[in-house]
Amino acid sequence: MTALASREVESRSPSAVPTTLVVEGLGKEFGWTRVLSNVSLTIEEGEYVALMGSNGVGKTTLLRMCAGLSVPTEGSVSIAGVDLRRAGPGLRRRVGFVSHESLLYPDLTGRENLEFHARLFGVTDPASAIAALSELLDLDGILDRPAGVLSRGNRQRLTLARALLHGPRIVLLDEPFTGLDEESSDRLLTVLDALVASGRTVVMTTHDRSVAEAGPRRLILLENRTVAVDRELPVPTREIAPAPVQAPAFTRPTLTTPPKLFRAALAIAAKDLRVEFRTRDVIGSAGLFALAVLVTASFTMPTGAAASAGAATGVLWISILFAVLLGVGRTMARESADRGIEGLLLSPAPRESVFIGKALASLVLMAVVDVVIIPLFLVMMTSDGQGSNPLALIGTVALGTLGLVTVASLFSGIAVGSRLGESMLPILVMPVVIPLMVGSVELTRLALGAGDSTSVWQWLGILAGFDIMVLLAAIAMFSYVIEE
């Protein structure tokens, strides 16, 4: 299907185009290990499917590819005739996904997590949608508690609410009964029955044969990296109780156009700042690190000597560089906790908005650090300030910090998915920012009156040009960097 046809499908009402899930010749490799091979399935709208198989057979991998979180090595996955690799925001809004991880933010309350995701998905009345799901999944006692302190079962119920919040047409669930007690399990079975009764498609993985026979009408069994069994299941013998809430109340929330690039970026930035001002983790660690560098260096370098001006400004920018690396690394590391980054990728928000939002929040936090350490630098490591240019100094710090945050935010997308995590970030960033560091050190020296001040504005232009170049490149590349 062409890109134009894809946009036409996404712009139409969800009920106007059958949300058929088609998997064709799907294969997946991780390095030298082949996980899936030649998997082909067609799941029609309204089907209730149990996906079974032994550990490591590829159930989770298949489900992640159907959700658009993993890219097939070969073959394709399409929803409503649109290949997921060309899917736009409208198509991503048709899918709800429950993973082994919650995709929630531990430092936000359950209600704040749901409100954030509702905003990204364009839910018009988040309060009503959350209230309906709270009654359905018995969330009243946990909505106002931080997600990170919840038990496995409570967090799983909150995860289900996140996946159902926007009324998806296809619900993909990876071991959804994990951690649930008997009452919650019965409640979930009732919810899934109601979803299917309202025309939604439900696909869930499970190891429990009794669960597979308690509701699903189709069994798909994976063996030897492909489909071994695909057959209908008998009608469940259990009594199907009515849903606690009428189906339309939680399957058809009122939706509006999802936020575009900058609105989505502002929502992501606001979320990061809310978490930071609650934990003070980034400002505390980055600020204390930068302060320790400056204080230590101030005891070993003479102040006021022209020969030491370059060394002093070098110390300043080393402290800013590592404060940025520490701060941006910590900010992105929060996305890896419970895989919150995947919740962003599942949303209709443009991939570029994730980068802009993360960078904007990091820039605000680093500005706070700069406001603290620059005056200390001037007091401890410079002379009386005669001949200095305060405006040029402010511009230098602003442009230098912007460039560092931009590069670090781009490469943090790679580091967050790496086994090395935050420790990989300096390795990626350092070679790229060498020109920026050289220019910032030289311009700071000139701004402090240690050289020919006539070249200050030329250096400011060079820094601004570097920032514009890396910012545009980062926005263009981030969607590729953040993908698996």
Protein backbone atom coordinates (compact mmCIF):
# COMPACT_ATOMS: atom_id res chain seq x y z
CA MET A 1 0.00 0.00 0.00
CA THR A 2 1.32 3.43 -0.91
CA ALA A 3 1.94 6.15 1.66
CA LEU A 4 -1.04 8.10 0.27
CA ALA A 5 -3.33 5.10 0.67
CA SER A 6 -1.97 4.58 4.17
CA ARG A 7 -2.92 8.13 5.18
CA GLU A 8 -6.39 7.65 3.69
CA VAL A 9 -6.95 4.50 5.76
CA GLU A 10 -5.73 6.19 8.94
CA SER A 11 -7.89 9.26 8.44
CA ARG A 12 -11.09 7.25 8.15
CA SER A 13 -13.20 6.22 11.11
CA PRO A 14 -11.86 3.08 12.86
CA SER A 15 -15.17 1.33 12.22
CA ALA A 16 -15.07 2.17 8.51
CA VAL A 17 -12.06 -0.09 7.76
CA PRO A 18 -11.92 -3.63 9.25
CA THR A 19 -8.93 -3.80 11.57
CA THR A 20 -7.57 -7.07 10.22
CA LEU A 21 -4.13 -8.12 11.47
CA VAL A 22 -2.10 -9.84 8.74
CA VAL A 23 1.32 -11.43 9.27
CA GLU A 24 3.07 -12.55 6.09
CA GLY A 25 6.28 -14.58 5.92
CA LEU A 26 7.52 -13.07 9.17
CA GLY A 27 11.04 -13.81 10.33
CA LYS A 28 13.19 -12.37 13.09
CA GLU A 29 16.85 -12.69 13.94
CA PHE A 30 18.80 -11.32 16.90
CA GLY A 31 22.41 -11.34 15.79
CA TRP A 32 23.13 -14.90 14.71
CA THR A 33 20.09 -16.33 16.48
CA ARG A 34 16.90 -16.89 14.48
CA VAL A 35 13.83 -16.59 16.67
CA LEU A 36 10.97 -16.76 14.13
CA SER A 37 10.82 -18.07 10.58
CA ASN A 38 8.11 -17.84 7.92
CA VAL A 39 5.22 -17.03 10.25
CA SER A 40 1.99 -16.22 8.37
CA LEU A 41 -1.32 -15.45 10.08
CA THR A 42 -4.54 -13.58 9.41
CA ILE A 43 -6.53 -12.49 12.46
CA GLU A 44 -9.88 -10.94 11.60
CA GLU A 45 -11.50 -8.13 13.54
CA GLY A 46 -13.31 -9.37 16.65
CA GLU A 47 -11.33 -12.61 17.04
CA TYR A 48 -10.20 -13.83 20.44
CA VAL A 49 -6.86 -15.63 20.08
CA ALA A 50 -4.60 -17.49 22.50
CA LEU A 51 -0.93 -17.65 21.47
CA MET A 52 0.93 -20.51 23.14
CA GLY A 53 4.33 -22.19 22.97
CA SER A 54 7.30 -23.09 25.12
CA ASN A 55 9.65 -20.53 26.63
CA GLY A 56 11.87 -18.87 24.05
CA VAL A 57 9.80 -19.96 21.06
CA GLY A 58 9.12 -16.36 19.99
CA LYS A 59 5.67 -15.49 21.36
CA THR A 60 6.73 -12.18 22.86
CA THR A 61 8.81 -11.30 19.79
CA LEU A 62 5.81 -11.95 17.52
CA LEU A 63 3.54 -9.84 19.71
CA ARG A 64 6.07 -6.97 19.79
CA MET A 65 6.30 -6.98 16.00
CA CYS A 66 2.50 -6.90 15.78
CA ALA A 67 2.57 -3.86 18.09
CA GLY A 68 5.18 -2.12 15.95
CA LEU A 69 7.87 -2.17 18.65
CA SER A 70 10.16 -4.57 16.80
CA VAL A 71 11.14 -4.53 13.14
CA PRO A 72 10.92 -7.86 11.26
CA THR A 73 14.08 -9.22 9.69
CA GLU A 74 11.90 -10.47 6.87
CA GLY A 75 8.21 -10.44 5.98
CA SER A 76 5.67 -7.87 7.11
CA VAL A 77 2.91 -7.06 9.59
CA SER A 78 -0.07 -5.02 8.44
CA ILE A 79 -3.15 -3.65 10.17
CA ALA A 80 -6.18 -2.63 8.09
CA GLY A 81 -4.03 -3.16 5.00
CA VAL A 82 -1.26 -0.79 6.14
CA ASP A 83 2.28 -2.08 6.70
CA LEU A 84 3.33 -1.16 10.25
CA ARG A 85 6.67 0.09 8.95
CA ARG A 86 4.75 2.86 7.18
CA ALA A 87 2.18 3.33 9.92
CA GLY A 88 1.29 6.84 11.00
CA PRO A 89 -0.17 8.13 14.25
CA GLY A 90 -3.74 7.15 13.37
CA LEU A 91 -2.85 3.49 12.96
CA ARG A 92 -0.81 3.31 16.17
CA ARG A 93 -3.89 4.53 18.03
CA ARG A 94 -5.73 1.36 16.99
CA VAL A 95 -3.40 -0.87 19.03
CA GLY A 96 -3.20 -1.41 22.79
CA PHE A 97 -0.27 -3.42 24.13
CA VAL A 98 0.39 -5.05 27.50
CA SER A 99 4.01 -6.13 27.91
CA HIS A 100 5.91 -7.95 30.64
CA GLU A 101 6.99 -4.46 31.72
CA SER A 102 4.38 -1.89 32.71
CA LEU A 103 5.59 0.91 30.36
CA LEU A 104 4.77 3.27 33.25
CA TYR A 105 6.89 5.80 35.16
CA PRO A 106 7.63 4.67 38.73
CA ASP A 107 7.87 8.20 40.15
CA LEU A 108 4.46 9.26 38.81
CA THR A 109 1.21 8.17 40.43
CA GLY A 110 -1.11 5.82 38.61
CA ARG A 111 -3.43 8.70 37.78
CA GLU A 112 -0.57 10.87 36.47
CA ASN A 113 0.65 8.01 34.28
CA LEU A 114 -2.80 7.49 32.79
CA GLU A 115 -3.35 11.23 32.28
CA PHE A 116 -0.03 11.49 30.47
CA HIS A 117 -0.85 8.64 28.09
CA ALA A 118 -4.38 9.96 27.58
CA ARG A 119 -2.90 13.28 26.48
CA LEU A 120 -0.56 11.60 23.98
CA PHE A 121 -3.40 9.52 22.53
CA GLY A 122 -5.79 12.46 22.24
CA VAL A 123 -8.39 11.28 24.76
CA THR A 124 -10.80 14.20 25.05
CA ASP A 125 -11.98 13.56 28.62
CA PRO A 126 -9.21 11.72 30.48
CA ALA A 127 -10.99 11.98 33.85
CA SER A 128 -14.07 10.13 32.59
CA ALA A 129 -12.01 7.50 30.78
CA ILE A 130 -9.88 6.90 33.87
CA ALA A 131 -12.97 6.73 36.10
CA ALA A 132 -14.55 4.09 33.85
CA LEU A 133 -11.40 1.97 33.84
CA SER A 134 -10.96 2.47 37.58
CA GLU A 135 -14.38 0.97 38.22
CA LEU A 136 -13.78 -1.78 35.69
CA LEU A 137 -10.37 -2.85 37.04
CA ASP A 138 -10.82 -1.81 40.70
CA LEU A 139 -8.12 0.88 40.64
CA ASP A 140 -9.51 3.31 43.22
CA GLY A 141 -7.02 2.31 45.90
CA ILE A 142 -3.92 2.61 43.72
CA LEU A 143 -4.52 5.53 41.34
CA ASP A 144 -2.97 8.12 43.65
CA ARG A 145 0.03 6.05 44.68
CA PRO A 146 3.39 6.09 42.84
CA ALA A 147 3.52 3.29 40.28
CA GLY A 148 6.95 2.25 41.54
CA VAL A 149 5.66 1.17 44.97
CA LEU A 150 2.78 -0.96 43.68
CA SER A 151 2.80 -4.73 43.90
CA ARG A 152 3.19 -6.76 40.71
CA GLY A 153 -0.54 -7.47 40.55
CA ASN A 154 -1.60 -3.86 41.15
CA ARG A 155 0.89 -2.61 38.60
CA GLN A 156 -0.47 -5.14 36.11
CA ARG A 157 -4.00 -3.80 36.55
CA LEU A 158 -2.71 -0.27 36.01
CA THR A 159 -0.91 -1.48 32.89
CA LEU A 160 -4.15 -2.91 31.54
CA ALA A 161 -5.81 0.45 32.10
CA ARG A 162 -3.03 2.17 30.16
CA ALA A 163 -3.48 -0.21 27.23
CA LEU A 164 -7.28 0.21 27.13
CA LEU A 165 -7.37 3.95 27.82
CA HIS A 166 -7.71 5.06 24.19
CA GLY A 167 -10.20 2.38 23.13
CA PRO A 168 -7.92 0.35 20.81
CA ARG A 169 -9.39 -1.90 18.10
CA ILE A 170 -6.65 -4.51 18.63
CA VAL A 171 -5.51 -5.49 22.13
CA LEU A 172 -2.25 -7.43 22.40
CA LEU A 173 -1.48 -8.92 25.79
CA ASP A 174 1.74 -10.66 26.81
CA GLU A 175 1.02 -12.93 29.78
CA PRO A 176 -1.66 -10.54 31.14
CA PHE A 177 -2.61 -12.76 34.09
CA THR A 178 0.89 -12.64 35.61
CA GLY A 179 0.72 -11.44 39.21
CA LEU A 180 -3.07 -11.24 39.36
CA ASP A 181 -5.01 -12.86 42.17
CA GLU A 182 -8.07 -15.00 41.48
CA GLU A 183 -10.54 -12.15 41.76
CA SER A 184 -8.50 -9.91 39.45
CA SER A 185 -8.07 -12.76 36.97
CA ASP A 186 -11.82 -13.32 36.84
CA ARG A 187 -12.33 -9.59 36.39
CA LEU A 188 -9.82 -9.54 33.51
CA LEU A 189 -11.57 -12.45 31.79
CA THR A 190 -14.80 -10.48 32.00
CA VAL A 191 -13.11 -7.40 30.52
CA LEU A 192 -11.70 -9.43 27.63
CA ASP A 193 -15.12 -10.96 26.98
CA ALA A 194 -16.61 -7.47 26.83
CA LEU A 195 -13.89 -6.29 24.45
CA VAL A 196 -14.55 -9.14 22.04
CA ALA A 197 -18.32 -8.64 22.35
CA SER A 198 -17.82 -5.02 21.27
CA GLY A 199 -15.93 -6.08 18.14
CA ARG A 200 -12.39 -5.69 19.41
CA THR A 201 -9.62 -8.14 18.54
CA VAL A 202 -7.81 -9.74 21.47
CA VAL A 203 -4.55 -11.67 21.11
CA MET A 204 -2.85 -12.89 24.27
CA THR A 205 0.10 -15.12 25.07
CA THR A 206 -0.21 -17.63 27.87
CA HIS A 207 1.38 -20.81 29.21
CA ASP A 208 -1.80 -21.81 31.04
CA ARG A 209 -4.05 -24.10 29.03
CA SER A 210 -6.98 -23.37 31.35
CA VAL A 211 -6.68 -19.66 30.55
CA ALA A 212 -6.52 -20.42 26.83
CA GLU A 213 -9.75 -22.40 27.10
CA ALA A 214 -11.54 -19.90 29.37
CA GLY A 215 -12.42 -17.42 26.63
CA PRO A 216 -10.36 -17.53 23.42
CA ARG A 217 -11.95 -19.19 20.41
CA ARG A 218 -8.75 -19.74 18.46
CA LEU A 219 -5.44 -21.33 19.44
CA ILE A 220 -2.13 -20.59 17.73
CA LEU A 221 0.79 -22.76 18.86
CA LEU A 222 4.38 -21.84 17.99
CA GLU A 223 7.02 -24.55 17.69
CA ASN A 224 10.42 -24.61 16.01
CA ARG A 225 10.22 -20.86 15.24
CA THR A 226 6.97 -21.08 13.26
CA VAL A 227 3.24 -21.84 13.52
CA ALA A 228 2.69 -25.53 14.34
CA VAL A 229 -1.01 -25.43 15.24
CA ASP A 230 -3.76 -23.00 14.25
CA ARG A 231 -7.24 -24.22 15.13
CA GLU A 232 -10.53 -23.22 16.67
CA LEU A 233 -11.21 -23.79 20.36
CA PRO A 234 -14.50 -25.06 21.76
CA VAL A 235 -16.95 -22.63 23.31
CA PRO A 236 -15.83 -22.04 26.93
CA THR A 237 -17.84 -23.88 29.54
CA ARG A 238 -17.51 -21.19 32.18
CA GLU A 239 -20.38 -18.80 32.72
CA ILE A 240 -19.62 -15.45 31.08
CA ALA A 241 -20.69 -12.76 33.52
CA PRO A 242 -21.77 -9.31 32.35
CA ALA A 243 -19.10 -6.64 32.46
CA PRO A 244 -19.16 -4.38 35.56
CA VAL A 245 -19.38 -1.38 33.28
CA GLN A 246 -21.23 -1.23 29.98
CA ALA A 247 -18.85 -1.91 27.12
CA PRO A 248 -19.14 1.49 25.43
CA ALA A 249 -17.95 3.27 28.58
CA PHE A 250 -14.45 1.83 28.33
CA THR A 251 -14.18 0.69 24.71
CA ARG A 252 -15.26 3.94 23.08
CA PRO A 253 -13.67 6.93 24.80
CA THR A 254 -14.11 10.25 23.02
CA LEU A 255 -11.00 10.97 20.99
CA THR A 256 -9.68 14.06 19.31
CA THR A 257 -6.72 14.60 17.00
CA PRO A 258 -3.56 13.42 18.78
CA PRO A 259 -1.09 16.18 19.67
CA LYS A 260 1.23 17.15 16.86
CA LEU A 261 5.00 17.51 17.04
CA PHE A 262 5.45 20.40 19.48
CA ARG A 263 2.37 19.74 21.66
CA ALA A 264 3.50 16.15 22.14
CA ALA A 265 7.05 17.35 22.86
CA LEU A 266 5.76 19.77 25.51
CA ALA A 267 3.76 16.97 27.15
CA ILE A 268 6.87 14.76 27.30
CA ALA A 269 9.01 17.62 28.63
CA ALA A 270 6.40 18.47 31.28
CA LYS A 271 6.35 14.84 32.36
CA ASP A 272 10.14 14.75 32.73
CA LEU A 273 10.21 18.01 34.68
CA ARG A 274 7.45 16.82 36.99
CA VAL A 275 9.44 13.69 37.76
CA GLU A 276 12.65 15.69 38.30
CA PHE A 277 11.16 18.30 40.59
CA ARG A 278 9.71 15.44 42.61
CA THR A 279 12.94 13.43 42.86
CA ARG A 280 15.62 16.15 42.28
CA ASP A 281 17.84 13.36 41.01
CA VAL A 282 19.31 15.02 37.90
CA ILE A 283 19.82 18.51 39.32
CA GLY A 284 21.31 17.13 42.50
CA SER A 285 23.76 14.68 40.91
CA ALA A 286 24.78 16.84 37.91
CA GLY A 287 25.03 20.02 39.97
CA LEU A 288 27.10 18.43 42.72
CA PHE A 289 29.43 16.83 40.18
CA ALA A 290 30.05 20.12 38.38
CA LEU A 291 30.54 21.91 41.69
CA ALA A 292 33.05 19.31 42.88
CA VAL A 293 35.10 19.73 39.69
CA LEU A 294 35.19 23.51 40.06
CA VAL A 295 36.06 23.47 43.75
CA THR A 296 38.82 20.91 43.28
CA ALA A 297 40.32 22.82 40.34
CA SER A 298 40.16 26.17 42.18
CA PHE A 299 42.74 24.92 44.72
CA THR A 300 45.26 23.94 42.05
CA MET A 301 45.12 26.88 39.62
CA PRO A 302 46.22 30.49 40.19
CA THR A 303 43.53 33.07 39.52
CA GLY A 304 43.97 36.17 37.43
CA ALA A 305 47.00 34.92 35.45
CA ALA A 306 46.55 35.23 31.71
CA ALA A 307 48.37 31.95 31.17
CA SER A 308 45.78 30.12 33.28
CA ALA A 309 42.70 31.67 31.60
CA GLY A 310 42.46 28.97 28.98
CA ALA A 311 42.95 26.21 31.55
CA ALA A 312 40.29 27.71 33.84
CA THR A 313 37.70 27.92 31.07
CA GLY A 314 38.65 24.37 30.08
CA VAL A 315 37.82 23.20 33.59
CA LEU A 316 34.48 25.02 33.39
CA TRP A 317 33.49 23.29 30.17
CA ILE A 318 34.66 19.90 31.34
CA SER A 319 32.38 20.30 34.36
CA ILE A 320 29.47 21.38 32.13
CA LEU A 321 30.11 18.51 29.67
CA PHE A 322 30.04 15.83 32.33
CA ALA A 323 27.09 17.44 34.08
CA VAL A 324 25.18 17.23 30.78
CA LEU A 325 26.23 13.61 30.22
CA LEU A 326 25.19 12.69 33.74
CA GLY A 327 21.92 14.63 33.58
CA VAL A 328 20.79 13.49 30.12
CA GLY A 329 21.87 9.93 30.89
CA ARG A 330 19.79 9.89 34.06
CA THR A 331 16.80 11.41 32.27
CA MET A 332 16.87 8.80 29.52
CA ALA A 333 17.58 6.01 32.02
CA ARG A 334 14.15 6.71 33.51
CA GLU A 335 12.71 5.66 30.16
CA SER A 336 14.37 2.26 30.47
CA ALA A 337 12.82 1.63 33.88
CA ASP A 338 9.72 -0.43 33.13
CA ARG A 339 10.38 0.43 29.45
CA GLY A 340 8.57 3.75 29.56
CA ILE A 341 10.18 4.63 26.22
CA GLU A 342 8.08 1.91 24.57
CA GLY A 343 4.93 3.55 25.86
CA LEU A 344 6.02 6.70 23.99
CA LEU A 345 6.74 4.72 20.82
CA LEU A 346 3.33 3.04 20.97
CA SER A 347 1.58 6.40 21.13
CA PRO A 348 0.56 8.49 18.10
CA ALA A 349 3.17 11.09 19.06
CA PRO A 350 5.71 11.66 16.26
CA ARG A 351 9.05 10.03 17.02
CA GLU A 352 10.72 13.44 16.65
CA SER A 353 8.58 14.79 19.49
CA VAL A 354 10.21 12.29 21.85
CA PHE A 355 13.63 13.75 21.07
CA ILE A 356 12.46 17.36 21.27
CA GLY A 357 10.63 16.75 24.56
CA LYS A 358 13.55 14.93 26.18
CA ALA A 359 16.03 17.55 24.96
CA LEU A 360 13.82 20.44 26.11
CA ALA A 361 13.48 19.02 29.62
CA SER A 362 17.22 18.34 29.81
CA LEU A 363 17.97 21.86 28.61
CA VAL A 364 15.82 23.36 31.38
CA LEU A 365 17.55 21.23 34.00
CA MET A 366 21.02 22.03 32.69
CA ALA A 367 20.12 25.74 32.67
CA VAL A 368 19.45 25.45 36.39
CA VAL A 369 22.86 23.83 36.87
CA ASP A 370 24.52 26.57 34.76
CA VAL A 371 22.89 29.31 36.84
CA VAL A 372 24.52 27.81 39.92
CA ILE A 373 28.02 26.97 38.65
CA ILE A 374 28.77 29.99 36.42
CA PRO A 375 28.75 32.53 39.30
CA LEU A 376 30.88 30.15 41.35
CA PHE A 377 33.31 29.82 38.46
CA LEU A 378 33.58 33.61 38.18
CA VAL A 379 34.24 33.95 41.90
CA MET A 380 36.71 31.09 42.34
CA MET A 381 38.64 30.95 39.07
CA THR A 382 38.68 34.39 37.42
CA SER A 383 40.14 37.80 38.21
CA ASP A 384 38.26 41.03 38.89
CA GLY A 385 36.38 40.79 35.59
CA GLN A 386 37.79 43.92 33.95
CA GLY A 387 37.34 43.80 30.18
CA SER A 388 34.86 40.95 30.36
CA ASN A 389 31.75 40.78 28.19
CA PRO A 390 28.81 39.42 30.27
CA LEU A 391 26.47 39.22 27.26
CA ALA A 392 28.97 37.16 25.29
CA LEU A 393 29.54 34.92 28.31
CA ILE A 394 25.79 34.26 28.68
CA GLY A 395 25.50 33.56 24.96
CA THR A 396 28.47 31.19 25.07
CA VAL A 397 27.08 29.18 27.97
CA ALA A 398 23.61 29.03 26.38
CA LEU A 399 24.85 27.93 22.94
CA GLY A 400 27.41 25.51 24.35
CA THR A 401 24.90 23.87 26.67
CA LEU A 402 22.33 23.65 23.87
CA GLY A 403 24.80 21.87 21.60
CA LEU A 404 25.89 19.44 24.31
CA VAL A 405 22.30 18.62 25.32
CA THR A 406 21.29 18.10 21.66
CA VAL A 407 24.10 15.63 20.93
CA ALA A 408 23.69 13.83 24.26
CA SER A 409 19.90 13.50 23.82
CA LEU A 410 20.38 11.99 20.36
CA PHE A 411 22.90 9.39 21.45
CA SER A 412 21.06 8.61 24.68
CA GLY A 413 18.48 6.90 22.45
CA ILE A 414 21.19 4.42 21.48
CA ALA A 415 22.62 4.11 24.98
CA VAL A 416 19.24 3.38 26.60
CA GLY A 417 18.87 0.23 24.50
CA SER A 418 22.47 -0.90 25.01
CA ARG A 419 23.75 -3.32 27.60
CA LEU A 420 26.26 -0.68 28.67
CA GLY A 421 23.46 1.81 29.33
CA GLU A 422 24.55 5.22 30.64
CA SER A 423 28.25 4.31 30.54
CA MET A 424 28.08 4.14 26.74
CA LEU A 425 26.91 7.75 26.40
CA PRO A 426 30.32 9.47 26.87
CA ILE A 427 31.90 7.14 24.30
CA LEU A 428 29.35 8.20 21.70
CA VAL A 429 29.19 11.90 22.55
CA MET A 430 32.82 12.89 23.11
CA PRO A 431 34.10 12.62 19.50
CA VAL A 432 31.16 14.63 18.15
CA VAL A 433 31.37 17.54 20.61
CA ILE A 434 35.13 18.18 20.33
CA PRO A 435 34.61 21.15 17.93
CA LEU A 436 31.91 22.54 20.21
CA MET A 437 34.14 22.22 23.28
CA VAL A 438 37.07 23.91 21.56
CA GLY A 439 34.87 26.80 20.43
CA SER A 440 33.19 27.16 23.82
CA VAL A 441 36.50 27.23 25.70
CA GLU A 442 37.98 29.82 23.35
CA LEU A 443 34.87 32.00 23.35
CA THR A 444 34.60 31.89 27.13
CA ARG A 445 38.22 32.99 27.40
CA LEU A 446 37.56 35.92 25.05
CA ALA A 447 34.33 36.83 26.85
CA LEU A 448 36.32 37.10 30.08
CA GLY A 449 38.66 39.63 28.48
CA ALA A 450 41.68 37.31 28.08
CA GLY A 451 42.11 37.90 24.35
CA ASP A 452 41.08 39.92 21.32
CA SER A 453 37.41 40.67 21.96
CA THR A 454 36.79 41.67 18.33
CA SER A 455 36.40 37.97 17.35
CA VAL A 456 33.78 37.23 20.01
CA TRP A 457 30.79 37.61 17.70
CA GLN A 458 32.46 35.53 15.02
CA TRP A 459 32.88 32.69 17.50
CA LEU A 460 29.27 33.08 18.65
CA GLY A 461 28.18 32.68 15.03
CA ILE A 462 30.26 29.51 14.71
CA LEU A 463 28.67 28.03 17.87
CA ALA A 464 25.18 28.97 16.68
CA GLY A 465 25.88 27.33 13.31
CA PHE A 466 27.08 24.15 15.00
CA ASP A 467 23.96 24.03 17.19
CA ILE A 468 21.61 24.50 14.25
CA MET A 469 23.39 21.79 12.28
CA VAL A 470 23.37 19.17 15.03
CA LEU A 471 19.79 20.04 16.05
CA LEU A 472 18.43 19.50 12.54
CA ALA A 473 20.49 16.33 12.11
CA ALA A 474 19.32 14.98 15.48
CA ILE A 475 15.65 15.59 14.72
CA ALA A 476 16.04 13.84 11.35
CA MET A 477 17.97 10.88 12.78
CA PHE A 478 16.24 10.24 16.11
CA SER A 479 13.39 8.16 14.67
CA TYR A 480 16.00 5.74 13.26
CA VAL A 481 18.15 5.81 16.39
CA ILE A 482 15.31 4.99 18.78
CA GLU A 483 13.94 2.11 16.72
CA GLU A 484 15.17 -1.35 17.57
